[in-house]
PDB file of N, CA and C in Angstrom:
ATOM      1  N   MET A   1       5.095 -15.076 -27.643  1.00  0.00           N
ATOM      2  CA  MET A   1       5.491 -14.760 -26.504  1.00  0.00           C
ATOM      3  C   MET A   1       4.516 -13.562 -26.094  1.00  0.00           C
ATOM      4  N   ILE A   2       4.169 -13.438 -24.947  1.00  0.00           N
ATOM      5  CA  ILE A   2       3.352 -12.303 -24.455  1.00  0.00           C
ATOM      6  C   ILE A   2       4.327 -11.433 -23.973  1.00  0.00           C
ATOM      7  N   THR A   3       3.796  -9.904 -24.308  1.00  0.00           N
ATOM      8  CA  THR A   3       4.574  -8.775 -24.020  1.00  0.00           C
ATOM      9  C   THR A   3       4.093  -8.446 -22.639  1.00  0.00           C
ATOM     10  N   THR A   4       5.318  -8.015 -21.747  1.00  0.00           N
ATOM     11  CA  THR A   4       5.130  -7.562 -20.525  1.00  0.00           C
ATOM     12  C   THR A   4       5.536  -6.052 -20.589  1.00  0.00           C
ATOM     13  N   HIS A   5       4.853  -5.326 -19.523  1.00  0.00           N
ATOM     14  CA  HIS A   5       5.511  -3.974 -19.388  1.00  0.00           C
ATOM     15  C   HIS A   5       5.878  -3.791 -17.689  1.00  0.00           C
ATOM     16  N   THR A   6       6.576  -3.061 -17.656  1.00  0.00           N
ATOM     17  CA  THR A   6       7.545  -2.523 -16.271  1.00  0.00           C
ATOM     18  C   THR A   6       6.333  -1.503 -15.715  1.00  0.00           C
ATOM     19  N   ARG A   7       5.994  -1.840 -14.506  1.00  0.00           N
ATOM     20  CA  ARG A   7       5.272  -0.892 -13.852  1.00  0.00           C
ATOM     21  C   ARG A   7       5.723  -1.126 -12.147  1.00  0.00           C
ATOM     22  N   LYS A   8       4.984  -0.137 -11.493  1.00  0.00           N
ATOM     23  CA  LYS A   8       5.285  -0.067  -9.935  1.00  0.00           C
ATOM     24  C   LYS A   8       4.295  -0.722  -9.000  1.00  0.00           C
ATOM     25  N   ARG A   9       4.723  -1.585  -8.243  1.00  0.00           N
ATOM     26  CA  ARG A   9       3.760  -2.209  -7.246  1.00  0.00           C
ATOM     27  C   ARG A   9       4.176  -1.230  -5.969  1.00  0.00           C
ATOM     28  N   ILE A  10       3.135  -0.930  -5.176  1.00  0.00           N
ATOM     29  CA  ILE A  10       3.377  -0.340  -3.867  1.00  0.00           C
ATOM     30  C   ILE A  10       2.577  -1.053  -3.156  1.00  0.00           C
ATOM     31  N   ASP A  11       3.200  -1.332  -1.704  1.00  0.00           N
ATOM     32  CA  ASP A  11       2.456  -2.115  -0.633  1.00  0.00           C
ATOM     33  C   ASP A  11       2.617  -1.330   0.248  1.00  0.00           C
ATOM     34  N   ILE A  12       1.732  -1.159   1.203  1.00  0.00           N
ATOM     35  CA  ILE A  12       1.592  -0.134   2.320  1.00  0.00           C
ATOM     36  C   ILE A  12       0.801  -0.933   3.544  1.00  0.00           C
ATOM     37  N   LEU A  13       1.597  -1.211   4.651  1.00  0.00           N
ATOM     38  CA  LEU A  13       1.120  -1.718   5.953  1.00  0.00           C
ATOM     39  C   LEU A  13       0.354  -0.665   6.817  1.00  0.00           C
ATOM     40  N   ILE A  14      -0.635  -0.641   7.007  1.00  0.00           N
ATOM     41  CA  ILE A  14      -1.434   0.520   7.665  1.00  0.00           C
ATOM     42  C   ILE A  14      -2.625  -0.055   8.714  1.00  0.00           C
ATOM     43  N   ASP A  15      -2.712   0.929   9.766  1.00  0.00           N
ATOM     44  CA  ASP A  15      -3.818   0.354  10.726  1.00  0.00           C
ATOM     45  C   ASP A  15      -5.107   0.478   9.963  1.00  0.00           C
ATOM     46  N   ALA A  16      -5.876  -0.536  10.253  1.00  0.00           N
ATOM     47  CA  ALA A  16      -7.205  -0.788   9.621  1.00  0.00           C
ATOM     48  C   ALA A  16      -8.172   0.373   9.760  1.00  0.00           C
ATOM     49  N   PRO A  17      -8.168   1.133  10.760  1.00  0.00           N
ATOM     50  CA  PRO A  17      -8.979   2.492  10.759  1.00  0.00           C
ATOM     51  C   PRO A  17      -8.566   3.591   9.764  1.00  0.00           C
ATOM     52  N   LEU A  18      -7.460   3.403   9.190  1.00  0.00           N
ATOM     53  CA  LEU A  18      -6.793   4.460   8.440  1.00  0.00           C
ATOM     54  C   LEU A  18      -7.013   4.111   6.738  1.00  0.00           C
ATOM     55  N   CYS A  19      -7.560   2.901   6.740  1.00  0.00           N
ATOM     56  CA  CYS A  19      -7.724   2.430   5.120  1.00  0.00           C
ATOM     57  C   CYS A  19      -8.407   3.454   4.418  1.00  0.00           C
ATOM     58  N   ASP A  20      -9.671   4.220   4.706  1.00  0.00           N
ATOM     59  CA  ASP A  20     -10.529   5.140   4.168  1.00  0.00           C
ATOM     60  C   ASP A  20      -9.429   6.202   3.692  1.00  0.00           C
ATOM     61  N   TRP A  21      -8.965   6.715   4.626  1.00  0.00           N
ATOM     62  CA  TRP A  21      -8.037   7.905   4.453  1.00  0.00           C
ATOM     63  C   TRP A  21      -6.954   7.355   3.411  1.00  0.00           C
ATOM     64  N   LEU A  22      -6.135   6.319   3.165  1.00  0.00           N
ATOM     65  CA  LEU A  22      -5.197   5.822   2.441  1.00  0.00           C
ATOM     66  C   LEU A  22      -5.874   5.821   1.162  1.00  0.00           C
ATOM     67  N   ILE A  23      -7.156   5.052   0.862  1.00  0.00           N
ATOM     68  CA  ILE A  23      -7.791   5.074  -0.330  1.00  0.00           C
ATOM     69  C   ILE A  23      -8.229   6.513  -0.615  1.00  0.00           C
ATOM     70  N   GLU A  24      -8.334   7.376  -0.078  1.00  0.00           N
ATOM     71  CA  GLU A  24      -8.709   8.694  -0.658  1.00  0.00           C
ATOM     72  C   GLU A  24      -7.429   9.397  -1.110  1.00  0.00           C
ATOM     73  N   GLN A  25      -6.278   9.141  -0.451  1.00  0.00           N
ATOM     74  CA  GLN A  25      -4.908   9.602  -0.902  1.00  0.00           C
ATOM     75  C   GLN A  25      -4.565   9.078  -2.327  1.00  0.00           C
ATOM     76  N   ALA A  26      -4.797   7.737  -2.276  1.00  0.00           N
ATOM     77  CA  ALA A  26      -4.453   6.929  -3.544  1.00  0.00           C
ATOM     78  C   ALA A  26      -5.296   7.489  -4.750  1.00  0.00           C
ATOM     79  N   ALA A  27      -6.593   7.787  -4.415  1.00  0.00           N
ATOM     80  CA  ALA A  27      -7.406   8.256  -5.425  1.00  0.00           C
ATOM     81  C   ALA A  27      -6.973   9.676  -5.859  1.00  0.00           C
ATOM     82  N   ALA A  28      -6.457  10.471  -4.971  1.00  0.00           N
ATOM     83  CA  ALA A  28      -6.183  11.722  -5.482  1.00  0.00           C
ATOM     84  C   ALA A  28      -4.773  11.678  -6.198  1.00  0.00           C
ATOM     85  N   ALA A  29      -4.052  10.681  -5.925  1.00  0.00           N
ATOM     86  CA  ALA A  29      -2.753  10.404  -7.008  1.00  0.00           C
ATOM     87  C   ALA A  29      -3.172   9.544  -8.185  1.00  0.00           C
ATOM     88  N   GLU A  30      -4.391   9.535  -8.437  1.00  0.00           N
ATOM     89  CA  GLU A  30      -5.077   8.783  -9.514  1.00  0.00           C
ATOM     90  C   GLU A  30      -4.804   7.431  -9.646  1.00  0.00           C
ATOM     91  N   ILE A  31      -4.601   6.740  -8.429  1.00  0.00           N
ATOM     92  CA  ILE A  31      -4.452   5.192  -8.227  1.00  0.00           C
ATOM     93  C   ILE A  31      -5.827   4.936  -7.806  1.00  0.00           C
ATOM     94  N   VAL A  32      -6.745   4.253  -8.665  1.00  0.00           N
ATOM     95  CA  VAL A  32      -8.056   4.082  -7.996  1.00  0.00           C
ATOM     96  C   VAL A  32      -8.464   2.551  -7.892  1.00  0.00           C
ATOM     97  N   HIS A  33      -7.535   1.650  -8.433  1.00  0.00           N
ATOM     98  CA  HIS A  33      -7.617   0.188  -8.405  1.00  0.00           C
ATOM     99  C   HIS A  33      -6.380  -0.253  -7.329  1.00  0.00           C
ATOM    100  N   HIS A  34      -7.054  -1.156  -6.492  1.00  0.00           N
ATOM    101  CA  HIS A  34      -6.189  -1.498  -5.514  1.00  0.00           C
ATOM    102  C   HIS A  34      -6.907  -2.648  -4.578  1.00  0.00           C
ATOM    103  N   SER A  35      -5.955  -3.244  -4.011  1.00  0.00           N
ATOM    104  CA  SER A  35      -6.525  -4.414  -2.971  1.00  0.00           C
ATOM    105  C   SER A  35      -6.101  -4.078  -1.380  1.00  0.00           C
ATOM    106  N   ILE A  36      -7.105  -4.478  -0.663  1.00  0.00           N
ATOM    107  CA  ILE A  36      -6.755  -4.278   0.760  1.00  0.00           C
ATOM    108  C   ILE A  36      -6.956  -5.460   1.272  1.00  0.00           C
ATOM    109  N   LEU A  37      -5.774  -6.285   1.994  1.00  0.00           N
ATOM    110  CA  LEU A  37      -5.773  -7.376   2.494  1.00  0.00           C
ATOM    111  C   LEU A  37      -5.517  -7.388   3.877  1.00  0.00           C
ATOM    112  N   PRO A  38      -6.150  -8.199   4.635  1.00  0.00           N
ATOM    113  CA  PRO A  38      -5.962  -8.677   5.995  1.00  0.00           C
ATOM    114  C   PRO A  38      -4.604  -9.169   6.439  1.00  0.00           C
ATOM    115  N   VAL A  39      -4.000  -8.665   7.564  1.00  0.00           N
ATOM    116  CA  VAL A  39      -2.725  -8.957   7.943  1.00  0.00           C
ATOM    117  C   VAL A  39      -2.987  -9.489   9.341  1.00  0.00           C
ATOM    118  N   GLU A  40      -2.524 -10.932   9.541  1.00  0.00           N
ATOM    119  CA  GLU A  40      -2.702 -11.593  10.743  1.00  0.00           C
ATOM    120  C   GLU A  40      -2.032 -11.183  11.823  1.00  0.00           C
ATOM    121  N   SER A  41      -0.705 -11.195  11.488  1.00  0.00           N
ATOM    122  CA  SER A  41       0.342 -11.099  12.588  1.00  0.00           C
ATOM    123  C   SER A  41       1.742 -10.514  12.256  1.00  0.00           C
ATOM    124  N   GLY A  42       2.705 -10.128  12.780  1.00  0.00           N
ATOM    125  CA  GLY A  42       3.748  -9.610  12.283  1.00  0.00           C
ATOM    126  C   GLY A  42       4.966  -9.321  13.484  1.00  0.00           C
ATOM    127  N   LEU A  43       6.030  -8.913  13.114  1.00  0.00           N
ATOM    128  CA  LEU A  43       7.088  -8.885  14.211  1.00  0.00           C
ATOM    129  C   LEU A  43       7.678  -7.330  13.749  1.00  0.00           C
ATOM    130  N   GLY A  44       7.461  -6.457  14.472  1.00  0.00           N
ATOM    131  CA  GLY A  44       8.074  -5.166  14.097  1.00  0.00           C
ATOM    132  C   GLY A  44       8.842  -4.559  15.330  1.00  0.00           C
ATOM    133  N   ARG A  45       9.247  -3.165  15.319  1.00  0.00           N
ATOM    134  CA  ARG A  45      10.173  -2.630  16.142  1.00  0.00           C
ATOM    135  C   ARG A  45       9.856  -2.673  17.642  1.00  0.00           C
ATOM    136  N   THR A  46       8.426  -2.719  17.864  1.00  0.00           N
ATOM    137  CA  THR A  46       8.029  -2.916  19.269  1.00  0.00           C
ATOM    138  C   THR A  46       7.717  -4.359  19.644  1.00  0.00           C
ATOM    139  N   GLY A  47       8.141  -5.343  18.637  1.00  0.00           N
ATOM    140  CA  GLY A  47       7.672  -6.770  19.044  1.00  0.00           C
ATOM    141  C   GLY A  47       6.729  -7.431  18.199  1.00  0.00           C
ATOM    142  N   ALA A  48       6.497  -8.693  18.790  1.00  0.00           N
ATOM    143  CA  ALA A  48       5.618  -9.458  17.968  1.00  0.00           C
ATOM    144  C   ALA A  48       4.133  -8.932  18.296  1.00  0.00           C
ATOM    145  N   TRP A  49       3.278  -9.054  17.209  1.00  0.00           N
ATOM    146  CA  TRP A  49       1.935  -8.690  17.359  1.00  0.00           C
ATOM    147  C   TRP A  49       0.864  -9.822  16.531  1.00  0.00           C
ATOM    148  N   ARG A  50      -0.272  -9.813  17.065  1.00  0.00           N
ATOM    149  CA  ARG A  50      -1.278 -10.752  16.539  1.00  0.00           C
ATOM    150  C   ARG A  50      -2.581  -9.930  16.538  1.00  0.00           C
ATOM    151  N   ASP A  51      -3.470 -10.136  15.244  1.00  0.00           N
ATOM    152  CA  ASP A  51      -4.622  -9.574  15.368  1.00  0.00           C
ATOM    153  C   ASP A  51      -5.689 -10.549  16.031  1.00  0.00           C
ATOM    154  N   GLU A  52      -5.850 -10.377  17.223  1.00  0.00           N
ATOM    155  CA  GLU A  52      -6.789 -11.292  18.004  1.00  0.00           C
ATOM    156  C   GLU A  52      -8.021 -10.575  18.422  1.00  0.00           C
ATOM    157  N   GLY A  53      -8.453  -9.319  17.753  1.00  0.00           N
ATOM    158  CA  GLY A  53      -9.701  -8.607  17.819  1.00  0.00           C
ATOM    159  C   GLY A  53      -9.620  -7.597  19.182  1.00  0.00           C
ATOM    160  N   PHE A  54      -8.737  -7.792  20.154  1.00  0.00           N
ATOM    161  CA  PHE A  54      -8.627  -7.025  21.129  1.00  0.00           C
ATOM    162  C   PHE A  54      -7.258  -6.692  21.566  1.00  0.00           C
ATOM    163  N   GLY A  55      -6.925  -5.337  22.186  1.00  0.00           N
ATOM    164  CA  GLY A  55      -5.527  -5.211  22.714  1.00  0.00           C
ATOM    165  C   GLY A  55      -4.658  -4.863  21.747  1.00  0.00           C
ATOM    166  N   THR A  56      -4.970  -4.868  20.096  1.00  0.00           N
ATOM    167  CA  THR A  56      -4.136  -4.416  19.086  1.00  0.00           C
ATOM    168  C   THR A  56      -4.885  -3.729  18.128  1.00  0.00           C
ATOM    169  N   VAL A  57      -4.589  -3.055  17.319  1.00  0.00           N
ATOM    170  CA  VAL A  57      -5.140  -2.438  16.110  1.00  0.00           C
ATOM    171  C   VAL A  57      -4.913  -3.351  15.079  1.00  0.00           C
ATOM    172  N   ALA A  58      -5.924  -3.747  14.450  1.00  0.00           N
ATOM    173  CA  ALA A  58      -5.938  -4.679  13.298  1.00  0.00           C
ATOM    174  C   ALA A  58      -5.109  -3.856  12.040  1.00  0.00           C
ATOM    175  N   LYS A  59      -4.368  -4.634  11.426  1.00  0.00           N
ATOM    176  CA  LYS A  59      -3.476  -4.089  10.484  1.00  0.00           C
ATOM    177  C   LYS A  59      -4.139  -4.529   8.911  1.00  0.00           C
ATOM    178  N   ARG A  60      -3.849  -3.708   7.961  1.00  0.00           N
ATOM    179  CA  ARG A  60      -4.146  -4.200   6.607  1.00  0.00           C
ATOM    180  C   ARG A  60      -2.963  -3.794   5.533  1.00  0.00           C
ATOM    181  N   MET A  61      -2.898  -4.602   4.528  1.00  0.00           N
ATOM    182  CA  MET A  61      -1.930  -4.228   3.438  1.00  0.00           C
ATOM    183  C   MET A  61      -2.780  -3.754   2.163  1.00  0.00           C
ATOM    184  N   PHE A  62      -2.422  -2.616   1.970  1.00  0.00           N
ATOM    185  CA  PHE A  62      -2.725  -1.781   0.832  1.00  0.00           C
ATOM    186  C   PHE A  62      -1.898  -2.405  -0.462  1.00  0.00           C
ATOM    187  N   VAL A  63      -2.164  -2.824  -1.511  1.00  0.00           N
ATOM    188  CA  VAL A  63      -1.612  -3.236  -2.601  1.00  0.00           C
ATOM    189  C   VAL A  63      -1.955  -2.715  -3.889  1.00  0.00           C
ATOM    190  N   ALA A  64      -1.227  -1.992  -4.512  1.00  0.00           N
ATOM    191  CA  ALA A  64      -1.602  -1.299  -6.059  1.00  0.00           C
ATOM    192  C   ALA A  64      -0.514  -1.473  -7.017  1.00  0.00           C
ATOM    193  N   LEU A  65      -1.104  -1.495  -8.292  1.00  0.00           N
ATOM    194  CA  LEU A  65       0.011  -1.469  -9.214  1.00  0.00           C
ATOM    195  C   LEU A  65      -0.379  -0.493 -10.092  1.00  0.00           C
ATOM    196  N   SER A  66       0.793   0.541 -10.549  1.00  0.00           N
ATOM    197  CA  SER A  66       0.466   1.831 -11.217  1.00  0.00           C
ATOM    198  C   SER A  66       1.706   2.080 -12.235  1.00  0.00           C
ATOM    199  N   ASN A  67       1.607   3.239 -12.564  1.00  0.00           N
ATOM    200  CA  ASN A  67       3.047   3.683 -13.375  1.00  0.00           C
ATOM    201  C   ASN A  67       3.970   4.522 -12.295  1.00  0.00           C
ATOM    202  N   LYS A  68       5.029   4.776 -12.655  1.00  0.00           N
ATOM    203  CA  LYS A  68       5.924   5.427 -11.685  1.00  0.00           C
ATOM    204  C   LYS A  68       5.593   6.800 -11.298  1.00  0.00           C
ATOM    205  N   GLN A  69       4.757   7.469 -12.066  1.00  0.00           N
ATOM    206  CA  GLN A  69       4.392   9.097 -11.884  1.00  0.00           C
ATOM    207  C   GLN A  69       3.227   8.982 -10.785  1.00  0.00           C
ATOM    208  N   LYS A  70       2.432   8.006 -11.036  1.00  0.00           N
ATOM    209  CA  LYS A  70       1.163   7.921  -9.998  1.00  0.00           C
ATOM    210  C   LYS A  70       1.801   7.602  -8.700  1.00  0.00           C
ATOM    211  N   VAL A  71       2.642   6.434  -8.606  1.00  0.00           N
ATOM    212  CA  VAL A  71       3.155   6.062  -7.312  1.00  0.00           C
ATOM    213  C   VAL A  71       4.069   7.090  -6.553  1.00  0.00           C
ATOM    214  N   ALA A  72       4.844   7.726  -7.593  1.00  0.00           N
ATOM    215  CA  ALA A  72       5.530   8.807  -6.993  1.00  0.00           C
ATOM    216  C   ALA A  72       4.705  10.007  -6.376  1.00  0.00           C
ATOM    217  N   ALA A  73       3.551  10.410  -6.976  1.00  0.00           N
ATOM    218  CA  ALA A  73       2.460  11.269  -6.622  1.00  0.00           C
ATOM    219  C   ALA A  73       2.060  10.802  -5.238  1.00  0.00           C
ATOM    220  N   LEU A  74       1.659   9.573  -5.129  1.00  0.00           N
ATOM    221  CA  LEU A  74       0.951   9.043  -3.802  1.00  0.00           C
ATOM    222  C   LEU A  74       2.293   8.875  -2.654  1.00  0.00           C
ATOM    223  N   LEU A  75       3.467   8.788  -2.972  1.00  0.00           N
ATOM    224  CA  LEU A  75       4.610   8.901  -1.986  1.00  0.00           C
ATOM    225  C   LEU A  75       4.622  10.405  -1.376  1.00  0.00           C
ATOM    226  N   GLU A  76       4.572  11.363  -2.332  1.00  0.00           N
ATOM    227  CA  GLU A  76       4.542  12.703  -1.989  1.00  0.00           C
ATOM    228  C   GLU A  76       3.279  13.177  -1.012  1.00  0.00           C
ATOM    229  N   ARG A  77       2.073  12.587  -1.519  1.00  0.00           N
ATOM    230  CA  ARG A  77       0.998  12.865  -0.568  1.00  0.00           C
ATOM    231  C   ARG A  77       1.126  12.148   0.762  1.00  0.00           C
ATOM    232  N   LEU A  78       1.659  11.036   0.914  1.00  0.00           N
ATOM    233  CA  LEU A  78       1.740  10.323   2.261  1.00  0.00           C
ATOM    234  C   LEU A  78       3.169  10.869   3.074  1.00  0.00           C
ATOM    235  N   ALA A  79       4.045  11.459   2.212  1.00  0.00           N
ATOM    236  CA  ALA A  79       5.378  11.845   3.071  1.00  0.00           C
ATOM    237  C   ALA A  79       5.095  12.570   4.588  1.00  0.00           C
ATOM    238  N   PRO A  80       4.188  13.532   4.574  1.00  0.00           N
ATOM    239  CA  PRO A  80       4.097  14.100   5.895  1.00  0.00           C
ATOM    240  C   PRO A  80       3.773  13.322   7.063  1.00  0.00           C
ATOM    241  N   ASP A  81       2.863  12.193   6.557  1.00  0.00           N
ATOM    242  CA  ASP A  81       2.310  11.295   7.555  1.00  0.00           C
ATOM    243  C   ASP A  81       2.869   9.993   7.934  1.00  0.00           C
ATOM    244  N   ILE A  82       3.935   9.527   7.102  1.00  0.00           N
ATOM    245  CA  ILE A  82       4.550   8.319   7.391  1.00  0.00           C
ATOM    246  C   ILE A  82       5.071   8.071   8.590  1.00  0.00           C
ATOM    247  N   GLU A  83       5.641   8.733   9.287  1.00  0.00           N
ATOM    248  CA  GLU A  83       6.079   8.636  10.777  1.00  0.00           C
ATOM    249  C   GLU A  83       4.894   8.695  11.543  1.00  0.00           C
ATOM    250  N   ARG A  84       4.051   9.580  11.564  1.00  0.00           N
ATOM    251  CA  ARG A  84       2.903   9.790  12.458  1.00  0.00           C
ATOM    252  C   ARG A  84       2.173   8.591  12.475  1.00  0.00           C
ATOM    253  N   TYR A  85       1.817   8.021  11.290  1.00  0.00           N
ATOM    254  CA  TYR A  85       0.883   6.784  11.145  1.00  0.00           C
ATOM    255  C   TYR A  85       1.640   5.366  11.061  1.00  0.00           C
ATOM    256  N   GLY A  86       3.095   5.663  11.220  1.00  0.00           N
ATOM    257  CA  GLY A  86       3.754   4.319  11.143  1.00  0.00           C
ATOM    258  C   GLY A  86       3.557   3.552  10.035  1.00  0.00           C
ATOM    259  N   LEU A  87       3.479   4.075   9.035  1.00  0.00           N
ATOM    260  CA  LEU A  87       3.400   3.465   7.750  1.00  0.00           C
ATOM    261  C   LEU A  87       4.755   2.630   7.408  1.00  0.00           C
ATOM    262  N   VAL A  88       4.311   1.406   6.712  1.00  0.00           N
ATOM    263  CA  VAL A  88       5.365   0.663   6.336  1.00  0.00           C
ATOM    264  C   VAL A  88       5.197   0.576   4.640  1.00  0.00           C
ATOM    265  N   ILE A  89       6.170   1.178   3.829  1.00  0.00           N
ATOM    266  CA  ILE A  89       6.008   1.069   2.325  1.00  0.00           C
ATOM    267  C   ILE A  89       6.966   0.462   1.740  1.00  0.00           C
ATOM    268  N   ALA A  90       6.691  -0.252   0.774  1.00  0.00           N
ATOM    269  CA  ALA A  90       7.615  -0.992  -0.231  1.00  0.00           C
ATOM    270  C   ALA A  90       7.123  -0.615  -1.628  1.00  0.00           C
ATOM    271  N   VAL A  91       8.195  -0.349  -2.448  1.00  0.00           N
ATOM    272  CA  VAL A  91       7.764   0.067  -3.934  1.00  0.00           C
ATOM    273  C   VAL A  91       8.737  -0.688  -4.829  1.00  0.00           C
ATOM    274  N   TYR A  92       8.230  -1.152  -5.715  1.00  0.00           N
ATOM    275  CA  TYR A  92       9.262  -2.038  -6.557  1.00  0.00           C
ATOM    276  C   TYR A  92       8.637  -2.294  -7.867  1.00  0.00           C
ATOM    277  N   ASP A  93       9.580  -2.628  -8.794  1.00  0.00           N
ATOM    278  CA  ASP A  93       9.251  -2.758 -10.181  1.00  0.00           C
ATOM    279  C   ASP A  93       8.627  -4.244 -10.419  1.00  0.00           C
ATOM    280  N   VAL A  94       7.430  -4.190 -11.340  1.00  0.00           N
ATOM    281  CA  VAL A  94       6.967  -5.498 -11.668  1.00  0.00           C
ATOM    282  C   VAL A  94       6.857  -5.503 -12.978  1.00  0.00           C
ATOM    283  N   GLU A  95       6.629  -6.721 -13.662  1.00  0.00           N
ATOM    284  CA  GLU A  95       6.277  -6.868 -14.893  1.00  0.00           C
ATOM    285  C   GLU A  95       4.980  -7.275 -15.115  1.00  0.00           C
ATOM    286  N   VAL A  96       4.014  -6.456 -15.751  1.00  0.00           N
ATOM    287  CA  VAL A  96       2.741  -6.830 -15.796  1.00  0.00           C
ATOM    288  C   VAL A  96       2.205  -7.161 -17.461  1.00  0.00           C
ATOM    289  N   VAL A  97       1.230  -7.945 -17.487  1.00  0.00           N
ATOM    290  CA  VAL A  97       0.734  -7.946 -18.945  1.00  0.00           C
ATOM    291  C   VAL A  97      -0.702  -7.064 -18.901  1.00  0.00           C
ATOM    292  N   ARG A  98      -0.873  -6.590 -19.959  1.00  0.00           N
ATOM    293  CA  ARG A  98      -1.961  -5.565 -20.062  1.00  0.00           C
ATOM    294  C   ARG A  98      -1.620  -4.166 -19.578  1.00  0.00           C
ATOM    295  N   GLY A  99      -0.359  -3.609 -19.910  1.00  0.00           N
ATOM    296  CA  GLY A  99       0.211  -2.486 -19.161  1.00  0.00           C
ATOM    297  C   GLY A  99      -0.502  -1.524 -19.289  1.00  0.00           C
ATOM    298  N   GLU A 100      -1.455  -1.287 -20.235  1.00  0.00           N
ATOM    299  CA  GLU A 100      -2.460  -0.032 -20.436  1.00  0.00           C
ATOM    300  C   GLU A 100      -3.338  -0.106 -19.369  1.00  0.00           C
ATOM    301  N   ARG A 101      -3.596  -1.145 -18.565  1.00  0.00           N
ATOM    302  CA  ARG A 101      -4.398  -1.019 -17.301  1.00  0.00           C
ATOM    303  C   ARG A 101      -3.809  -0.415 -16.050  1.00  0.00           C
ATOM    304  N   PHE A 102      -2.458  -0.134 -16.017  1.00  0.00           N
ATOM    305  CA  PHE A 102      -1.864   0.168 -14.954  1.00  0.00           C
ATOM    306  C   PHE A 102      -1.149   1.595 -15.392  1.00  0.00           C
TER     307      PHE A 102
END
């Protein structure tokens, strides 16, 4: 049986122009491994939107796995800007193999 370890996954929906800022915030919280995924469309408080290259700001999904202390540190760094930047953040427990990497 493979041993698994509980870690945190954090997903952050963010406007594409803010990705570099978010990566800097994550690095300052010692989260240096992540993925940035394109988001094609969605439905939010202001209605439906689609990334068609004009008229809307492109969205990205930041995804990272880490330990709870580093995720908590990132959330503290982001707290003052969550409303201003309209960040949508989800944090949940996941089971990972090779827990020492996270």
